[in-house]
């Protein structure tokens, strides 16, 4: 997953390791962790998930 403030801004690549029963479960867990960070950290107010982040709600474009 990648997070960015606006198109053209610098990107931050996150690497998360998760012990899960499947790749899909690991991806959902990682996405949920990123969304929690975006929702709870005021300094990340303008940041959104991108690069294939699926779903509706906070943190998506």
PDB file of N, CA and C in Angstrom:
ATOM      1  N   UNK A   1       0.839  -1.172   0.000  1.00  0.00           N
ATOM      2  CA  UNK A   1       0.000   0.000   0.000  1.00  0.00           C
ATOM      3  C   UNK A   1       0.881   1.231   0.000  1.00  0.00           C
ATOM      4  N   UNK A   2       0.408   2.260  -0.625  1.00  0.00           N
ATOM      5  CA  UNK A   2       1.119   3.526  -0.659  1.00  0.00           C
ATOM      6  C   UNK A   2       0.177   4.623  -0.176  1.00  0.00           C
ATOM      7  N   UNK A   3       0.689   5.576   0.559  1.00  0.00           N
ATOM      8  CA  UNK A   3      -0.105   6.706   1.028  1.00  0.00           C
ATOM      9  C   UNK A   3       0.505   7.988   0.496  1.00  0.00           C
ATOM     10  N   UNK A   4      -0.336   8.925   0.079  1.00  0.00           N
ATOM     11  CA  UNK A   4       0.150  10.212  -0.413  1.00  0.00           C
ATOM     12  C   UNK A   4      -0.840  11.322  -0.063  1.00  0.00           C
ATOM     13  N   UNK A   5      -0.348  12.563   0.080  1.00  0.00           N
ATOM     14  CA  UNK A   5      -1.214  13.696   0.401  1.00  0.00           C
ATOM     15  C   UNK A   5      -1.964  14.171  -0.833  1.00  0.00           C
ATOM     16  N   UNK A   6      -1.302  14.359  -1.921  1.00  0.00           N
ATOM     17  CA  UNK A   6      -1.900  14.822  -3.176  1.00  0.00           C
ATOM     18  C   UNK A   6      -1.085  14.251  -4.330  1.00  0.00           C
ATOM     19  N   UNK A   7      -1.707  14.102  -5.502  1.00  0.00           N
ATOM     20  CA  UNK A   7      -0.913  13.669  -6.657  1.00  0.00           C
ATOM     21  C   UNK A   7       0.261  14.615  -6.872  1.00  0.00           C
ATOM     22  N   UNK A   8       1.410  14.085  -7.178  1.00  0.00           N
ATOM     23  CA  UNK A   8       2.590  14.902  -7.395  1.00  0.00           C
ATOM     24  C   UNK A   8       3.444  15.077  -6.154  1.00  0.00           C
ATOM     25  N   UNK A   9       2.870  14.820  -4.983  1.00  0.00           N
ATOM     26  CA  UNK A   9       3.654  14.915  -3.752  1.00  0.00           C
ATOM     27  C   UNK A   9       4.524  13.672  -3.612  1.00  0.00           C
ATOM     28  N   UNK A  10       5.444  13.724  -2.683  1.00  0.00           N
ATOM     29  CA  UNK A  10       6.274  12.558  -2.400  1.00  0.00           C
ATOM     30  C   UNK A  10       5.406  11.409  -1.914  1.00  0.00           C
ATOM     31  N   UNK A  11       5.826  10.206  -2.191  1.00  0.00           N
ATOM     32  CA  UNK A  11       5.109   9.012  -1.756  1.00  0.00           C
ATOM     33  C   UNK A  11       5.809   8.379  -0.573  1.00  0.00           C
ATOM     34  N   UNK A  12       5.056   7.702   0.239  1.00  0.00           N
ATOM     35  CA  UNK A  12       5.614   6.897   1.320  1.00  0.00           C
ATOM     36  C   UNK A  12       5.210   5.462   1.046  1.00  0.00           C
ATOM     37  N   UNK A  13       6.179   4.587   0.903  1.00  0.00           N
ATOM     38  CA  UNK A  13       5.901   3.176   0.732  1.00  0.00           C
ATOM     39  C   UNK A  13       5.952   2.513   2.096  1.00  0.00           C
ATOM     40  N   UNK A  14       4.894   1.811   2.435  1.00  0.00           N
ATOM     41  CA  UNK A  14       4.824   1.111   3.705  1.00  0.00           C
ATOM     42  C   UNK A  14       5.011  -0.379   3.473  1.00  0.00           C
ATOM     43  N   UNK A  15       5.774  -1.001   4.328  1.00  0.00           N
ATOM     44  CA  UNK A  15       5.926  -2.453   4.293  1.00  0.00           C
ATOM     45  C   UNK A  15       5.407  -2.971   5.623  1.00  0.00           C
ATOM     46  N   UNK A  16       4.387  -3.799   5.545  1.00  0.00           N
ATOM     47  CA  UNK A  16       3.793  -4.372   6.748  1.00  0.00           C
ATOM     48  C   UNK A  16       3.908  -5.888   6.676  1.00  0.00           C
ATOM     49  N   UNK A  17       4.289  -6.494   7.769  1.00  0.00           N
ATOM     50  CA  UNK A  17       4.357  -7.947   7.861  1.00  0.00           C
ATOM     51  C   UNK A  17       3.212  -8.411   8.740  1.00  0.00           C
ATOM     52  N   UNK A  18       2.481  -9.402   8.264  1.00  0.00           N
ATOM     53  CA  UNK A  18       1.321  -9.891   8.999  1.00  0.00           C
ATOM     54  C   UNK A  18       1.270 -11.408   8.924  1.00  0.00           C
ATOM     55  N   UNK A  19       1.013 -12.036  10.052  1.00  0.00           N
ATOM     56  CA  UNK A  19       0.819 -13.471  10.090  1.00  0.00           C
ATOM     57  C   UNK A  19      -0.679 -13.712   9.912  1.00  0.00           C
ATOM     58  N   UNK A  20      -1.052 -14.311   8.797  1.00  0.00           N
ATOM     59  CA  UNK A  20      -2.460 -14.515   8.481  1.00  0.00           C
ATOM     60  C   UNK A  20      -2.631 -15.846   7.762  1.00  0.00           C
ATOM     61  N   UNK A  21      -3.869 -16.299   7.692  1.00  0.00           N
ATOM     62  CA  UNK A  21      -4.172 -17.562   7.023  1.00  0.00           C
ATOM     63  C   UNK A  21      -4.129 -17.450   5.506  1.00  0.00           C
ATOM     64  N   UNK A  22      -4.248 -16.227   4.981  1.00  0.00           N
ATOM     65  CA  UNK A  22      -4.228 -16.046   3.528  1.00  0.00           C
ATOM     66  C   UNK A  22      -3.670 -14.669   3.193  1.00  0.00           C
ATOM     67  N   UNK A  23      -3.277 -14.505   1.931  1.00  0.00           N
ATOM     68  CA  UNK A  23      -2.790 -13.199   1.476  1.00  0.00           C
ATOM     69  C   UNK A  23      -3.902 -12.167   1.567  1.00  0.00           C
ATOM     70  N   UNK A  24      -5.118 -12.569   1.230  1.00  0.00           N
ATOM     71  CA  UNK A  24      -6.251 -11.632   1.285  1.00  0.00           C
ATOM     72  C   UNK A  24      -6.476 -11.127   2.704  1.00  0.00           C
ATOM     73  N   UNK A  25      -6.407 -12.021   3.685  1.00  0.00           N
ATOM     74  CA  UNK A  25      -6.574 -11.617   5.074  1.00  0.00           C
ATOM     75  C   UNK A  25      -5.457 -10.675   5.505  1.00  0.00           C
ATOM     76  N   UNK A  26      -4.235 -10.951   5.080  1.00  0.00           N
ATOM     77  CA  UNK A  26      -3.106 -10.081   5.414  1.00  0.00           C
ATOM     78  C   UNK A  26      -3.295  -8.696   4.810  1.00  0.00           C
ATOM     79  N   UNK A  27      -3.760  -8.639   3.565  1.00  0.00           N
ATOM     80  CA  UNK A  27      -3.986  -7.345   2.908  1.00  0.00           C
ATOM     81  C   UNK A  27      -5.086  -6.555   3.620  1.00  0.00           C
ATOM     82  N   UNK A  28      -6.159  -7.220   4.011  1.00  0.00           N
ATOM     83  CA  UNK A  28      -7.235  -6.540   4.731  1.00  0.00           C
ATOM     84  C   UNK A  28      -6.753  -6.023   6.081  1.00  0.00           C
ATOM     85  N   UNK A  29      -5.941  -6.796   6.765  1.00  0.00           N
ATOM     86  CA  UNK A  29      -5.396  -6.371   8.051  1.00  0.00           C
ATOM     87  C   UNK A  29      -4.488  -5.152   7.886  1.00  0.00           C
ATOM     88  N   UNK A  30      -3.632  -5.175   6.869  1.00  0.00           N
ATOM     89  CA  UNK A  30      -2.732  -4.049   6.609  1.00  0.00           C
ATOM     90  C   UNK A  30      -3.521  -2.797   6.244  1.00  0.00           C
ATOM     91  N   UNK A  31      -4.536  -2.969   5.388  1.00  0.00           N
ATOM     92  CA  UNK A  31      -5.361  -1.827   4.983  1.00  0.00           C
ATOM     93  C   UNK A  31      -6.079  -1.229   6.194  1.00  0.00           C
ATOM     94  N   UNK A  32      -6.613  -2.083   7.058  1.00  0.00           N
ATOM     95  CA  UNK A  32      -7.317  -1.605   8.250  1.00  0.00           C
ATOM     96  C   UNK A  32      -6.372  -0.825   9.162  1.00  0.00           C
ATOM     97  N   UNK A  33      -5.138  -1.293   9.309  1.00  0.00           N
ATOM     98  CA  UNK A  33      -4.160  -0.583  10.139  1.00  0.00           C
ATOM     99  C   UNK A  33      -3.865   0.797   9.564  1.00  0.00           C
ATOM    100  N   UNK A  34      -3.714   0.875   8.245  1.00  0.00           N
ATOM    101  CA  UNK A  34      -3.458   2.167   7.598  1.00  0.00           C
ATOM    102  C   UNK A  34      -4.650   3.106   7.764  1.00  0.00           C
ATOM    103  N   UNK A  35      -5.850   2.591   7.598  1.00  0.00           N
ATOM    104  CA  UNK A  35      -7.040   3.427   7.755  1.00  0.00           C
ATOM    105  C   UNK A  35      -7.167   3.953   9.182  1.00  0.00           C
ATOM    106  N   UNK A  36      -6.866   3.107  10.176  1.00  0.00           N
ATOM    107  CA  UNK A  36      -6.901   3.575  11.566  1.00  0.00           C
ATOM    108  C   UNK A  36      -5.911   4.712  11.779  1.00  0.00           C
ATOM    109  N   UNK A  37      -4.720   4.577  11.225  1.00  0.00           N
ATOM    110  CA  UNK A  37      -3.712   5.637  11.362  1.00  0.00           C
ATOM    111  C   UNK A  37      -4.200   6.926  10.716  1.00  0.00           C
ATOM    112  N   UNK A  38      -4.784   6.822   9.522  1.00  0.00           N
ATOM    113  CA  UNK A  38      -5.274   8.014   8.821  1.00  0.00           C
ATOM    114  C   UNK A  38      -6.424   8.679   9.569  1.00  0.00           C
ATOM    115  N   UNK A  39      -7.264   7.885  10.209  1.00  0.00           N
ATOM    116  CA  UNK A  39      -8.414   8.428  10.939  1.00  0.00           C
ATOM    117  C   UNK A  39      -8.021   9.068  12.268  1.00  0.00           C
ATOM    118  N   UNK A  40      -6.953   8.578  12.889  1.00  0.00           N
ATOM    119  CA  UNK A  40      -6.639   8.979  14.263  1.00  0.00           C
ATOM    120  C   UNK A  40      -5.471   9.939  14.402  1.00  0.00           C
ATOM    121  N   UNK A  41      -4.674  10.119  13.368  1.00  0.00           N
ATOM    122  CA  UNK A  41      -3.499  10.989  13.470  1.00  0.00           C
ATOM    123  C   UNK A  41      -3.784  12.317  12.767  1.00  0.00           C
ATOM    124  N   UNK A  42      -3.940  13.400  13.514  1.00  0.00           N
ATOM    125  CA  UNK A  42      -4.243  14.693  12.905  1.00  0.00           C
ATOM    126  C   UNK A  42      -3.222  15.127  11.852  1.00  0.00           C
ATOM    127  N   UNK A  43      -1.960  14.752  12.044  1.00  0.00           N
ATOM    128  CA  UNK A  43      -0.935  15.158  11.078  1.00  0.00           C
ATOM    129  C   UNK A  43      -1.081  14.445   9.730  1.00  0.00           C
ATOM    130  N   UNK A  44      -1.934  13.426   9.656  1.00  0.00           N
ATOM    131  CA  UNK A  44      -2.164  12.708   8.397  1.00  0.00           C
ATOM    132  C   UNK A  44      -3.498  13.088   7.762  1.00  0.00           C
ATOM    133  N   UNK A  45      -4.092  14.212   8.177  1.00  0.00           N
ATOM    134  CA  UNK A  45      -5.433  14.603   7.752  1.00  0.00           C
ATOM    135  C   UNK A  45      -5.593  14.660   6.229  1.00  0.00           C
ATOM    136  N   UNK A  46      -4.575  15.080   5.509  1.00  0.00           N
ATOM    137  CA  UNK A  46      -4.688  15.215   4.055  1.00  0.00           C
ATOM    138  C   UNK A  46      -4.261  13.959   3.300  1.00  0.00           C
ATOM    139  N   UNK A  47      -3.829  12.923   4.002  1.00  0.00           N
ATOM    140  CA  UNK A  47      -3.303  11.718   3.359  1.00  0.00           C
ATOM    141  C   UNK A  47      -4.414  10.729   3.051  1.00  0.00           C
ATOM    142  N   UNK A  48      -4.256  10.009   1.973  1.00  0.00           N
ATOM    143  CA  UNK A  48      -5.224   9.011   1.528  1.00  0.00           C
ATOM    144  C   UNK A  48      -4.481   7.783   1.020  1.00  0.00           C
ATOM    145  N   UNK A  49      -5.108   6.609   1.123  1.00  0.00           N
ATOM    146  CA  UNK A  49      -4.553   5.412   0.513  1.00  0.00           C
ATOM    147  C   UNK A  49      -4.738   5.497  -0.998  1.00  0.00           C
ATOM    148  N   UNK A  50      -3.786   4.965  -1.708  1.00  0.00           N
ATOM    149  CA  UNK A  50      -3.887   4.917  -3.173  1.00  0.00           C
ATOM    150  C   UNK A  50      -3.200   3.647  -3.655  1.00  0.00           C
ATOM    151  N   UNK A  51      -2.925   3.549  -4.931  1.00  0.00           N
ATOM    152  CA  UNK A  51      -2.203   2.422  -5.500  1.00  0.00           C
ATOM    153  C   UNK A  51      -2.923   1.111  -5.262  1.00  0.00           C
ATOM    154  N   UNK A  52      -4.171   1.071  -5.703  1.00  0.00           N
ATOM    155  CA  UNK A  52      -4.913  -0.170  -5.611  1.00  0.00           C
ATOM    156  C   UNK A  52      -5.668  -0.358  -4.319  1.00  0.00           C
ATOM    157  N   UNK A  53      -5.671   0.620  -3.433  1.00  0.00           N
ATOM    158  CA  UNK A  53      -6.454   0.491  -2.206  1.00  0.00           C
ATOM    159  C   UNK A  53      -7.922   0.454  -2.590  1.00  0.00           C
ATOM    160  N   UNK A  54      -8.594  -0.595  -2.213  1.00  0.00           N
ATOM    161  CA  UNK A  54      -9.993  -0.770  -2.613  1.00  0.00           C
ATOM    162  C   UNK A  54     -10.917  -0.471  -1.461  1.00  0.00           C
ATOM    163  N   UNK A  55     -12.156  -0.179  -1.792  1.00  0.00           N
ATOM    164  CA  UNK A  55     -13.178   0.006  -0.774  1.00  0.00           C
ATOM    165  C   UNK A  55     -13.598   1.446  -0.618  1.00  0.00           C
ATOM    166  N   UNK A  56     -14.640   1.639   0.168  1.00  0.00           N
ATOM    167  CA  UNK A  56     -15.182   2.966   0.419  1.00  0.00           C
ATOM    168  C   UNK A  56     -14.821   3.387   1.832  1.00  0.00           C
ATOM    169  N   UNK A  57     -14.957   4.656   2.099  1.00  0.00           N
ATOM    170  CA  UNK A  57     -14.748   5.151   3.432  1.00  0.00           C
ATOM    171  C   UNK A  57     -13.510   5.997   3.563  1.00  0.00           C
ATOM    172  N   UNK A  58     -13.193   6.412   4.808  1.00  0.00           N
ATOM    173  CA  UNK A  58     -12.025   7.263   5.029  1.00  0.00           C
ATOM    174  C   UNK A  58     -10.766   6.619   4.485  1.00  0.00           C
ATOM    175  N   UNK A  59      -9.894   7.435   3.964  1.00  0.00           N
ATOM    176  CA  UNK A  59      -8.629   6.928   3.482  1.00  0.00           C
ATOM    177  C   UNK A  59      -8.632   6.482   2.041  1.00  0.00           C
ATOM    178  N   UNK A  60      -9.761   6.594   1.347  1.00  0.00           N
ATOM    179  CA  UNK A  60      -9.800   6.205  -0.058  1.00  0.00           C
ATOM    180  C   UNK A  60     -10.125   7.412  -0.913  1.00  0.00           C
ATOM    181  N   UNK A  61      -9.733   7.375  -2.166  1.00  0.00           N
ATOM    182  CA  UNK A  61     -10.009   8.477  -3.085  1.00  0.00           C
ATOM    183  C   UNK A  61     -11.340   8.276  -3.737  1.00  0.00           C
TER     184      UNK A  61
END
